[in-house]
Amino acid sequence: MSSKFQKLSAMACVVAVLTLIGCGKGMQNQRTKETSSAAAEASVQIPKMEGTNTSLDQYKGKVVLVNFWATWCAPCRVEIPWLIEFNEKYGPKGLVILGVAMDDEGNQVVQPYVRDRRFDVNGHPEAMNYPILLGNSKIAEKFGGILGMPTSMLYSREGKKVKTIVGLIDHDDLSKTLDSQL
C-alpha cells in the first residue's frame, strides 16, 4: 500500500507543478532573452490558420495579448475559456487576443481542434473566438523565447510589453491589468 501511496503522491506533485508553471515540451532552444525589443516583436510575421500572415504591427492602437499555447497542454485548456470571456468583455474596448498554437503538427492538428472544440464559458459551450496563429520555436524566439506553455505577453496600445506571464494566467490579476490598460 505504501508503494501505491508514494506513486500517487509523486503523480499528484507532478500535476500540481505543471498546473502552476505550465507545460514544457523540450524547449531547450527557447529561453527568455532580456534583449528582445517590442519593436522587433511587432514586425514578426506569424501565419494564420487560413494561410495569410499577421503581425503585432497590424494592431497599433489596440491592447494585444499574445498567448502561446498547444492543444496537448492541460493548463492552456484551462485558460482558453477565460480568454474567450476576456475577448467578449474587452474586445469592444480595444483588446486583441492572438492565440499562437505551438503544436509541432501545425494546422493539421490545430484547425480541427479550434473548429470542433467547445469550452464552458459561464455555463455556455463556446468556440475560441479570437484569431489563432501557427507558431514555432523561431517565432517564439523573436518574442524573447518561451520557457513553457502557456506563456502570455501583454502589449499596451503603444506597442510596449506590459507583462509576461509564464504558466497559467491569474484570471483576476489579468482582468485588473486589462481594466487599467483599456
N, C-alpha and C. Protein backbone atom coordinates (compact mmCIF):
# COMPACT_ATOMS: atom_id res chain seq x y z
N MET A 1 0.81 -1.20 0.00
CA MET A 1 0.00 0.00 0.00
C MET A 1 0.85 1.26 0.00
N SER A 2 1.94 1.27 0.78
CA SER A 2 2.74 2.49 0.85
C SER A 2 3.40 2.78 -0.49
N SER A 3 3.71 1.75 -1.27
CA SER A 3 4.29 1.96 -2.60
C SER A 3 3.27 2.63 -3.52
N LYS A 4 2.03 2.20 -3.47
CA LYS A 4 0.97 2.82 -4.28
C LYS A 4 0.77 4.27 -3.83
N PHE A 5 0.79 4.48 -2.53
CA PHE A 5 0.61 5.82 -1.99
C PHE A 5 1.74 6.74 -2.45
N GLN A 6 2.96 6.24 -2.44
CA GLN A 6 4.11 7.04 -2.88
C GLN A 6 3.98 7.40 -4.35
N LYS A 7 3.56 6.44 -5.17
CA LYS A 7 3.39 6.71 -6.61
C LYS A 7 2.30 7.75 -6.84
N LEU A 8 1.17 7.60 -6.13
CA LEU A 8 0.09 8.57 -6.26
C LEU A 8 0.53 9.95 -5.79
N SER A 9 1.28 10.00 -4.71
CA SER A 9 1.78 11.29 -4.21
C SER A 9 2.71 11.93 -5.21
N ALA A 10 3.59 11.15 -5.80
CA ALA A 10 4.52 11.68 -6.81
C ALA A 10 3.76 12.20 -8.02
N MET A 11 2.76 11.45 -8.47
CA MET A 11 1.96 11.89 -9.63
C MET A 11 1.21 13.17 -9.31
N ALA A 12 0.67 13.28 -8.09
CA ALA A 12 -0.05 14.49 -7.69
C ALA A 12 0.88 15.69 -7.68
N CYS A 13 2.13 15.50 -7.25
CA CYS A 13 3.11 16.59 -7.25
C CYS A 13 3.42 17.05 -8.67
N VAL A 14 3.58 16.11 -9.59
CA VAL A 14 3.86 16.45 -10.98
C VAL A 14 2.70 17.25 -11.57
N VAL A 15 1.47 16.81 -11.34
CA VAL A 15 0.30 17.52 -11.84
C VAL A 15 0.24 18.92 -11.26
N ALA A 16 0.51 19.05 -9.97
CA ALA A 16 0.48 20.37 -9.32
C ALA A 16 1.53 21.30 -9.91
N VAL A 17 2.73 20.79 -10.13
CA VAL A 17 3.80 21.61 -10.70
C VAL A 17 3.44 22.05 -12.11
N LEU A 18 2.93 21.14 -12.94
CA LEU A 18 2.54 21.51 -14.31
C LEU A 18 1.43 22.55 -14.31
N THR A 19 0.49 22.43 -13.37
CA THR A 19 -0.59 23.39 -13.29
C THR A 19 -0.06 24.77 -12.93
N LEU A 20 0.90 24.81 -12.01
CA LEU A 20 1.43 26.09 -11.56
C LEU A 20 2.36 26.74 -12.58
N ILE A 21 3.21 25.96 -13.24
CA ILE A 21 4.19 26.57 -14.13
C ILE A 21 3.89 26.37 -15.60
N GLY A 22 2.92 25.54 -15.92
CA GLY A 22 2.57 25.34 -17.31
C GLY A 22 3.26 24.13 -17.90
N CYS A 23 3.02 23.92 -19.17
CA CYS A 23 3.57 22.76 -19.87
C CYS A 23 4.86 23.16 -20.56
N GLY A 24 5.84 22.31 -20.50
CA GLY A 24 7.05 22.49 -21.27
C GLY A 24 7.15 21.34 -22.24
N LYS A 25 7.85 21.50 -23.33
CA LYS A 25 7.95 20.41 -24.29
C LYS A 25 9.32 20.41 -24.92
N GLY A 26 10.33 20.18 -24.13
CA GLY A 26 11.67 20.12 -24.69
C GLY A 26 12.07 21.38 -25.41
N MET A 27 11.82 22.52 -24.83
CA MET A 27 12.12 23.78 -25.48
C MET A 27 13.49 24.28 -25.07
N GLN A 28 14.49 23.42 -25.18
CA GLN A 28 15.81 23.83 -24.75
C GLN A 28 16.35 25.01 -25.56
N ASN A 29 15.93 25.17 -26.84
CA ASN A 29 16.44 26.32 -27.60
C ASN A 29 15.64 27.58 -27.31
N GLN A 30 14.57 27.48 -26.57
CA GLN A 30 13.74 28.64 -26.31
C GLN A 30 14.02 29.13 -24.90
N ARG A 31 14.68 30.26 -24.78
CA ARG A 31 14.94 30.82 -23.47
C ARG A 31 14.63 32.30 -23.52
N THR A 32 14.25 32.83 -22.38
CA THR A 32 13.90 34.24 -22.32
C THR A 32 15.13 35.08 -22.59
N LYS A 33 14.98 36.07 -23.43
CA LYS A 33 16.08 36.98 -23.74
C LYS A 33 15.68 38.38 -23.33
N GLU A 34 16.42 38.94 -22.45
CA GLU A 34 16.14 40.29 -21.97
C GLU A 34 16.34 41.33 -23.07
N THR A 35 17.13 40.99 -24.09
CA THR A 35 17.44 41.97 -25.12
C THR A 35 16.35 42.09 -26.18
N SER A 36 15.35 41.24 -26.13
CA SER A 36 14.28 41.29 -27.12
C SER A 36 13.52 42.60 -26.99
N SER A 37 13.26 43.26 -28.11
CA SER A 37 12.56 44.54 -28.06
C SER A 37 11.16 44.40 -28.62
N ALA A 38 10.25 45.24 -28.11
CA ALA A 38 8.86 45.22 -28.58
C ALA A 38 8.79 45.58 -30.05
N ALA A 39 9.69 46.43 -30.54
CA ALA A 39 9.68 46.80 -31.95
C ALA A 39 9.97 45.61 -32.84
N ALA A 40 10.92 44.78 -32.45
CA ALA A 40 11.24 43.58 -33.23
C ALA A 40 10.08 42.60 -33.19
N GLU A 41 9.46 42.45 -32.02
CA GLU A 41 8.32 41.55 -31.88
C GLU A 41 7.16 42.01 -32.75
N ALA A 42 6.96 43.32 -32.84
CA ALA A 42 5.83 43.86 -33.57
C ALA A 42 5.87 43.53 -35.06
N SER A 43 7.05 43.36 -35.61
CA SER A 43 7.16 43.11 -37.06
C SER A 43 7.21 41.63 -37.43
N VAL A 44 7.22 40.73 -36.44
CA VAL A 44 7.28 39.30 -36.72
C VAL A 44 6.03 38.87 -37.48
N GLN A 45 6.23 38.21 -38.61
CA GLN A 45 5.11 37.70 -39.40
C GLN A 45 4.74 36.31 -38.88
N ILE A 46 3.48 36.16 -38.47
CA ILE A 46 3.01 34.90 -37.90
C ILE A 46 1.89 34.38 -38.79
N PRO A 47 2.00 33.11 -39.24
CA PRO A 47 0.96 32.56 -40.12
C PRO A 47 -0.37 32.34 -39.39
N LYS A 48 -1.45 32.69 -40.09
CA LYS A 48 -2.80 32.38 -39.61
C LYS A 48 -3.17 30.99 -40.12
N MET A 49 -4.18 30.40 -39.53
CA MET A 49 -4.62 29.07 -39.98
C MET A 49 -5.10 29.12 -41.43
N GLU A 50 -5.62 30.25 -41.86
CA GLU A 50 -6.16 30.38 -43.22
C GLU A 50 -5.07 30.52 -44.28
N GLY A 51 -3.82 30.71 -43.86
CA GLY A 51 -2.73 30.78 -44.82
C GLY A 51 -2.10 32.15 -44.99
N THR A 52 -2.75 33.21 -44.54
CA THR A 52 -2.15 34.54 -44.61
C THR A 52 -1.30 34.77 -43.36
N ASN A 53 -0.63 35.90 -43.27
CA ASN A 53 0.20 36.24 -42.11
C ASN A 53 -0.36 37.46 -41.40
N THR A 54 0.02 37.60 -40.14
CA THR A 54 -0.31 38.80 -39.38
C THR A 54 0.89 39.15 -38.52
N SER A 55 0.86 40.35 -37.96
CA SER A 55 1.91 40.79 -37.04
C SER A 55 1.29 41.74 -36.03
N LEU A 56 2.00 42.01 -34.97
CA LEU A 56 1.51 42.96 -33.97
C LEU A 56 1.36 44.36 -34.56
N ASP A 57 2.17 44.68 -35.57
CA ASP A 57 2.08 45.98 -36.24
C ASP A 57 0.66 46.27 -36.71
N GLN A 58 -0.06 45.24 -37.08
CA GLN A 58 -1.42 45.41 -37.62
C GLN A 58 -2.42 45.82 -36.55
N TYR A 59 -2.01 45.80 -35.29
CA TYR A 59 -2.95 46.10 -34.20
C TYR A 59 -2.53 47.34 -33.42
N LYS A 60 -1.83 48.26 -34.09
CA LYS A 60 -1.43 49.51 -33.44
C LYS A 60 -2.67 50.23 -32.89
N GLY A 61 -2.53 50.77 -31.69
CA GLY A 61 -3.65 51.45 -31.05
C GLY A 61 -4.55 50.52 -30.25
N LYS A 62 -4.28 49.23 -30.29
CA LYS A 62 -5.04 48.24 -29.53
C LYS A 62 -4.14 47.65 -28.45
N VAL A 63 -4.75 47.14 -27.40
CA VAL A 63 -4.03 46.37 -26.40
C VAL A 63 -4.03 44.94 -26.92
N VAL A 64 -2.85 44.31 -26.97
CA VAL A 64 -2.72 42.98 -27.57
C VAL A 64 -2.21 41.98 -26.52
N LEU A 65 -2.92 40.86 -26.41
CA LEU A 65 -2.48 39.75 -25.57
C LEU A 65 -2.10 38.60 -26.49
N VAL A 66 -0.81 38.25 -26.49
CA VAL A 66 -0.30 37.13 -27.29
C VAL A 66 -0.19 35.95 -26.35
N ASN A 67 -0.92 34.87 -26.68
CA ASN A 67 -0.97 33.69 -25.82
C ASN A 67 -0.39 32.50 -26.57
N PHE A 68 0.80 32.03 -26.14
CA PHE A 68 1.42 30.84 -26.70
C PHE A 68 0.81 29.62 -26.00
N TRP A 69 0.26 28.70 -26.77
CA TRP A 69 -0.45 27.55 -26.20
C TRP A 69 -0.28 26.34 -27.13
N ALA A 70 -0.81 25.20 -26.70
CA ALA A 70 -0.81 23.99 -27.53
C ALA A 70 -2.04 23.16 -27.19
N THR A 71 -2.50 22.39 -28.15
CA THR A 71 -3.70 21.57 -27.94
C THR A 71 -3.49 20.52 -26.86
N TRP A 72 -2.26 20.06 -26.65
CA TRP A 72 -1.96 19.00 -25.70
C TRP A 72 -1.68 19.53 -24.29
N CYS A 73 -1.65 20.82 -24.11
CA CYS A 73 -1.26 21.46 -22.85
C CYS A 73 -2.48 21.65 -21.94
N ALA A 74 -2.52 20.92 -20.82
CA ALA A 74 -3.66 20.98 -19.90
C ALA A 74 -3.89 22.39 -19.33
N PRO A 75 -2.87 23.10 -18.82
CA PRO A 75 -3.11 24.46 -18.32
C PRO A 75 -3.59 25.41 -19.43
N CYS A 76 -3.17 25.18 -20.66
CA CYS A 76 -3.64 26.00 -21.77
C CYS A 76 -5.15 25.83 -21.94
N ARG A 77 -5.60 24.58 -21.85
CA ARG A 77 -7.04 24.30 -22.00
C ARG A 77 -7.84 24.89 -20.84
N VAL A 78 -7.22 25.02 -19.67
CA VAL A 78 -7.89 25.64 -18.53
C VAL A 78 -8.14 27.12 -18.80
N GLU A 79 -7.17 27.81 -19.39
CA GLU A 79 -7.31 29.26 -19.55
C GLU A 79 -8.04 29.68 -20.83
N ILE A 80 -8.25 28.79 -21.77
CA ILE A 80 -8.96 29.16 -23.01
C ILE A 80 -10.35 29.75 -22.72
N PRO A 81 -11.16 29.17 -21.82
CA PRO A 81 -12.45 29.81 -21.55
C PRO A 81 -12.31 31.23 -21.00
N TRP A 82 -11.25 31.47 -20.22
CA TRP A 82 -11.03 32.82 -19.70
C TRP A 82 -10.68 33.77 -20.84
N LEU A 83 -9.89 33.30 -21.81
CA LEU A 83 -9.53 34.15 -22.95
C LEU A 83 -10.76 34.46 -23.79
N ILE A 84 -11.63 33.48 -23.97
CA ILE A 84 -12.90 33.72 -24.69
C ILE A 84 -13.70 34.78 -23.95
N GLU A 85 -13.79 34.65 -22.64
CA GLU A 85 -14.51 35.61 -21.81
C GLU A 85 -13.89 37.01 -21.92
N PHE A 86 -12.55 37.09 -21.82
CA PHE A 86 -11.87 38.38 -21.95
C PHE A 86 -12.14 39.01 -23.31
N ASN A 87 -12.13 38.20 -24.36
CA ASN A 87 -12.36 38.73 -25.71
C ASN A 87 -13.78 39.30 -25.82
N GLU A 88 -14.76 38.61 -25.23
CA GLU A 88 -16.13 39.12 -25.26
C GLU A 88 -16.26 40.42 -24.47
N LYS A 89 -15.62 40.46 -23.30
CA LYS A 89 -15.73 41.62 -22.41
C LYS A 89 -14.91 42.82 -22.88
N TYR A 90 -13.65 42.57 -23.27
CA TYR A 90 -12.73 43.67 -23.56
C TYR A 90 -12.50 43.93 -25.04
N GLY A 91 -12.88 42.99 -25.91
CA GLY A 91 -12.71 43.19 -27.35
C GLY A 91 -13.31 44.50 -27.84
N PRO A 92 -14.56 44.80 -27.45
CA PRO A 92 -15.16 46.07 -27.88
C PRO A 92 -14.45 47.31 -27.35
N LYS A 93 -13.63 47.14 -26.30
CA LYS A 93 -12.89 48.26 -25.72
C LYS A 93 -11.50 48.41 -26.31
N GLY A 94 -11.11 47.49 -27.22
CA GLY A 94 -9.80 47.61 -27.86
C GLY A 94 -8.81 46.51 -27.57
N LEU A 95 -9.23 45.39 -26.98
CA LEU A 95 -8.33 44.26 -26.74
C LEU A 95 -8.34 43.33 -27.95
N VAL A 96 -7.15 42.89 -28.33
CA VAL A 96 -6.99 41.86 -29.35
C VAL A 96 -6.24 40.71 -28.70
N ILE A 97 -6.80 39.51 -28.76
CA ILE A 97 -6.13 38.32 -28.26
C ILE A 97 -5.66 37.52 -29.46
N LEU A 98 -4.39 37.16 -29.48
CA LEU A 98 -3.82 36.32 -30.54
C LEU A 98 -3.32 35.03 -29.90
N GLY A 99 -3.96 33.93 -30.24
CA GLY A 99 -3.53 32.63 -29.74
C GLY A 99 -2.51 32.04 -30.69
N VAL A 100 -1.30 31.80 -30.22
CA VAL A 100 -0.24 31.24 -31.07
C VAL A 100 -0.07 29.76 -30.71
N ALA A 101 -0.62 28.89 -31.56
CA ALA A 101 -0.57 27.45 -31.32
C ALA A 101 0.82 26.93 -31.64
N MET A 102 1.41 26.22 -30.68
CA MET A 102 2.78 25.74 -30.81
C MET A 102 2.87 24.24 -31.09
N ASP A 103 1.79 23.64 -31.55
CA ASP A 103 1.80 22.20 -31.85
C ASP A 103 2.77 21.92 -33.00
N ASP A 104 3.60 20.89 -32.84
CA ASP A 104 4.57 20.52 -33.88
C ASP A 104 3.89 20.17 -35.19
N GLU A 105 2.69 19.59 -35.12
CA GLU A 105 1.98 19.16 -36.33
C GLU A 105 1.29 20.32 -37.04
N GLY A 106 1.28 21.50 -36.44
CA GLY A 106 0.74 22.71 -37.06
C GLY A 106 -0.75 22.63 -37.34
N ASN A 107 -1.13 23.18 -38.48
CA ASN A 107 -2.53 23.34 -38.85
C ASN A 107 -3.27 22.01 -38.90
N GLN A 108 -2.57 20.94 -39.20
CA GLN A 108 -3.17 19.61 -39.28
C GLN A 108 -3.88 19.23 -37.97
N VAL A 109 -3.33 19.63 -36.84
CA VAL A 109 -3.91 19.35 -35.53
C VAL A 109 -4.72 20.53 -35.01
N VAL A 110 -4.22 21.73 -35.24
CA VAL A 110 -4.81 22.93 -34.65
C VAL A 110 -6.17 23.25 -35.28
N GLN A 111 -6.28 23.21 -36.58
CA GLN A 111 -7.53 23.60 -37.23
C GLN A 111 -8.73 22.75 -36.77
N PRO A 112 -8.63 21.40 -36.76
CA PRO A 112 -9.78 20.63 -36.28
C PRO A 112 -10.09 20.89 -34.80
N TYR A 113 -9.05 21.12 -34.00
CA TYR A 113 -9.24 21.40 -32.58
C TYR A 113 -10.04 22.69 -32.41
N VAL A 114 -9.63 23.74 -33.11
CA VAL A 114 -10.30 25.04 -32.99
C VAL A 114 -11.72 24.95 -33.56
N ARG A 115 -11.88 24.25 -34.65
CA ARG A 115 -13.19 24.14 -35.30
C ARG A 115 -14.19 23.35 -34.44
N ASP A 116 -13.74 22.26 -33.83
CA ASP A 116 -14.66 21.33 -33.17
C ASP A 116 -14.80 21.50 -31.67
N ARG A 117 -13.79 22.03 -31.01
CA ARG A 117 -13.78 22.08 -29.55
C ARG A 117 -14.64 23.22 -29.01
N ARG A 118 -15.42 22.94 -27.98
CA ARG A 118 -16.22 23.95 -27.29
C ARG A 118 -15.78 23.98 -25.83
N PHE A 119 -15.81 25.17 -25.25
CA PHE A 119 -15.36 25.38 -23.88
C PHE A 119 -16.49 25.98 -23.06
N ASP A 120 -16.56 25.58 -21.81
CA ASP A 120 -17.59 26.08 -20.91
C ASP A 120 -17.23 27.50 -20.46
N VAL A 121 -17.98 28.46 -20.96
CA VAL A 121 -17.78 29.86 -20.59
C VAL A 121 -19.07 30.33 -19.92
N ASN A 122 -18.99 30.46 -18.61
CA ASN A 122 -20.15 30.87 -17.82
C ASN A 122 -21.38 30.01 -18.11
N GLY A 123 -21.17 28.70 -18.19
CA GLY A 123 -22.28 27.76 -18.39
C GLY A 123 -22.72 27.57 -19.82
N HIS A 124 -22.03 28.17 -20.78
CA HIS A 124 -22.39 28.05 -22.19
C HIS A 124 -21.22 27.48 -22.98
N PRO A 125 -21.48 26.51 -23.87
CA PRO A 125 -20.40 25.98 -24.71
C PRO A 125 -20.05 26.99 -25.81
N GLU A 126 -18.79 27.40 -25.84
CA GLU A 126 -18.36 28.40 -26.83
C GLU A 126 -17.06 27.98 -27.50
N ALA A 127 -16.96 28.37 -28.76
CA ALA A 127 -15.74 28.13 -29.54
C ALA A 127 -14.73 29.24 -29.24
N MET A 128 -13.48 28.98 -29.57
CA MET A 128 -12.45 30.01 -29.44
C MET A 128 -12.85 31.15 -30.38
N ASN A 129 -12.94 32.36 -29.84
CA ASN A 129 -13.48 33.50 -30.59
C ASN A 129 -12.42 34.56 -30.89
N TYR A 130 -11.19 34.16 -30.91
CA TYR A 130 -10.09 35.08 -31.19
C TYR A 130 -9.17 34.42 -32.22
N PRO A 131 -8.39 35.22 -32.95
CA PRO A 131 -7.54 34.66 -34.01
C PRO A 131 -6.52 33.65 -33.46
N ILE A 132 -6.41 32.53 -34.17
CA ILE A 132 -5.44 31.50 -33.82
C ILE A 132 -4.36 31.49 -34.90
N LEU A 133 -3.13 31.64 -34.46
CA LEU A 133 -1.98 31.69 -35.35
C LEU A 133 -1.16 30.43 -35.16
N LEU A 134 -0.27 30.14 -36.10
CA LEU A 134 0.54 28.94 -36.06
C LEU A 134 1.99 29.32 -35.75
N GLY A 135 2.44 28.93 -34.57
CA GLY A 135 3.78 29.29 -34.12
C GLY A 135 4.77 28.16 -34.25
N ASN A 136 6.01 28.49 -33.96
CA ASN A 136 7.10 27.51 -33.90
C ASN A 136 8.21 28.13 -33.05
N SER A 137 9.29 27.39 -32.87
CA SER A 137 10.35 27.89 -31.98
C SER A 137 11.00 29.17 -32.51
N LYS A 138 11.10 29.32 -33.84
CA LYS A 138 11.70 30.55 -34.39
C LYS A 138 10.84 31.77 -34.08
N ILE A 139 9.53 31.62 -34.19
CA ILE A 139 8.63 32.73 -33.86
C ILE A 139 8.71 33.03 -32.37
N ALA A 140 8.70 31.98 -31.54
CA ALA A 140 8.79 32.19 -30.09
C ALA A 140 10.08 32.92 -29.73
N GLU A 141 11.19 32.56 -30.37
CA GLU A 141 12.48 33.23 -30.12
C GLU A 141 12.39 34.73 -30.42
N LYS A 142 11.66 35.09 -31.46
CA LYS A 142 11.54 36.50 -31.82
C LYS A 142 10.74 37.30 -30.78
N PHE A 143 9.99 36.58 -29.95
CA PHE A 143 9.27 37.22 -28.85
C PHE A 143 10.07 37.14 -27.55
N GLY A 144 11.32 36.71 -27.64
CA GLY A 144 12.17 36.60 -26.46
C GLY A 144 12.25 35.19 -25.92
N GLY A 145 11.61 34.24 -26.59
CA GLY A 145 11.63 32.85 -26.14
C GLY A 145 10.56 32.58 -25.11
N ILE A 146 10.19 31.31 -25.03
CA ILE A 146 9.23 30.90 -24.01
C ILE A 146 9.80 29.68 -23.29
N LEU A 147 9.54 29.61 -22.00
CA LEU A 147 10.06 28.52 -21.18
C LEU A 147 9.10 27.35 -21.12
N GLY A 148 7.84 27.57 -21.37
CA GLY A 148 6.82 26.55 -21.31
C GLY A 148 5.50 27.15 -21.73
N MET A 149 4.49 26.33 -21.71
CA MET A 149 3.18 26.82 -22.11
C MET A 149 2.17 26.53 -21.03
N PRO A 150 1.23 27.41 -20.90
CA PRO A 150 1.05 28.63 -21.69
C PRO A 150 2.02 29.73 -21.27
N THR A 151 2.30 30.62 -22.18
CA THR A 151 3.02 31.86 -21.91
C THR A 151 2.24 32.97 -22.60
N SER A 152 1.94 34.03 -21.87
CA SER A 152 1.18 35.15 -22.42
C SER A 152 1.98 36.43 -22.27
N MET A 153 1.88 37.28 -23.29
CA MET A 153 2.57 38.57 -23.28
C MET A 153 1.55 39.65 -23.61
N LEU A 154 1.49 40.66 -22.77
CA LEU A 154 0.53 41.75 -22.94
C LEU A 154 1.25 43.00 -23.42
N TYR A 155 0.72 43.61 -24.48
CA TYR A 155 1.29 44.83 -25.07
C TYR A 155 0.29 45.97 -24.95
N SER A 156 0.81 47.15 -24.61
CA SER A 156 -0.03 48.34 -24.48
C SER A 156 -0.45 48.85 -25.85
N ARG A 157 -1.32 49.84 -25.87
CA ARG A 157 -1.77 50.47 -27.13
C ARG A 157 -0.58 51.06 -27.88
N GLU A 158 0.47 51.42 -27.16
CA GLU A 158 1.67 51.99 -27.78
C GLU A 158 2.62 50.91 -28.27
N GLY A 159 2.29 49.66 -28.05
CA GLY A 159 3.13 48.56 -28.53
C GLY A 159 4.23 48.15 -27.57
N LYS A 160 4.20 48.63 -26.33
CA LYS A 160 5.21 48.26 -25.34
C LYS A 160 4.74 47.06 -24.55
N LYS A 161 5.68 46.13 -24.29
CA LYS A 161 5.34 44.95 -23.50
C LYS A 161 5.09 45.39 -22.06
N VAL A 162 3.89 45.08 -21.57
CA VAL A 162 3.47 45.45 -20.23
C VAL A 162 3.74 44.33 -19.24
N LYS A 163 3.54 43.08 -19.71
CA LYS A 163 3.59 41.96 -18.78
C LYS A 163 3.85 40.67 -19.55
N THR A 164 4.62 39.78 -18.94
CA THR A 164 4.80 38.42 -19.45
C THR A 164 4.36 37.48 -18.34
N ILE A 165 3.51 36.53 -18.70
CA ILE A 165 3.00 35.56 -17.73
C ILE A 165 3.42 34.17 -18.21
N VAL A 166 4.25 33.51 -17.44
CA VAL A 166 4.67 32.15 -17.75
C VAL A 166 3.82 31.21 -16.91
N GLY A 167 3.14 30.28 -17.56
CA GLY A 167 2.23 29.39 -16.86
C GLY A 167 0.82 29.92 -16.91
N LEU A 168 -0.03 29.28 -16.17
CA LEU A 168 -1.45 29.62 -16.13
C LEU A 168 -1.66 31.07 -15.70
N ILE A 169 -2.46 31.80 -16.46
CA ILE A 169 -2.75 33.18 -16.08
C ILE A 169 -3.59 33.20 -14.81
N ASP A 170 -3.48 34.28 -14.05
CA ASP A 170 -4.35 34.52 -12.91
C ASP A 170 -5.51 35.36 -13.44
N HIS A 171 -6.70 34.77 -13.50
CA HIS A 171 -7.86 35.42 -14.11
C HIS A 171 -8.10 36.81 -13.54
N ASP A 172 -8.15 36.93 -12.21
CA ASP A 172 -8.48 38.21 -11.59
C ASP A 172 -7.37 39.24 -11.79
N ASP A 173 -6.11 38.80 -11.69
CA ASP A 173 -4.98 39.71 -11.88
C ASP A 173 -4.95 40.25 -13.31
N LEU A 174 -5.14 39.36 -14.29
CA LEU A 174 -5.13 39.81 -15.68
C LEU A 174 -6.33 40.71 -15.97
N SER A 175 -7.46 40.40 -15.37
CA SER A 175 -8.64 41.24 -15.55
C SER A 175 -8.38 42.67 -15.04
N LYS A 176 -7.73 42.78 -13.88
CA LYS A 176 -7.38 44.11 -13.33
C LYS A 176 -6.40 44.82 -14.26
N THR A 177 -5.41 44.09 -14.77
CA THR A 177 -4.44 44.70 -15.67
C THR A 177 -5.12 45.18 -16.94
N LEU A 178 -6.03 44.37 -17.49
CA LEU A 178 -6.76 44.78 -18.70
C LEU A 178 -7.62 46.01 -18.42
N ASP A 179 -8.27 46.04 -17.27
CA ASP A 179 -9.06 47.22 -16.91
C ASP A 179 -8.20 48.47 -16.90
N SER A 180 -6.96 48.37 -16.39
CA SER A 180 -6.08 49.53 -16.33
C SER A 180 -5.56 49.94 -17.70
N GLN A 181 -5.42 48.98 -18.62
CA GLN A 181 -4.89 49.27 -19.96
C GLN A 181 -5.97 49.78 -20.92
N LEU A 182 -7.20 49.42 -20.65
CA LEU A 182 -8.29 49.78 -21.56
C LEU A 182 -9.09 50.87 -20.93
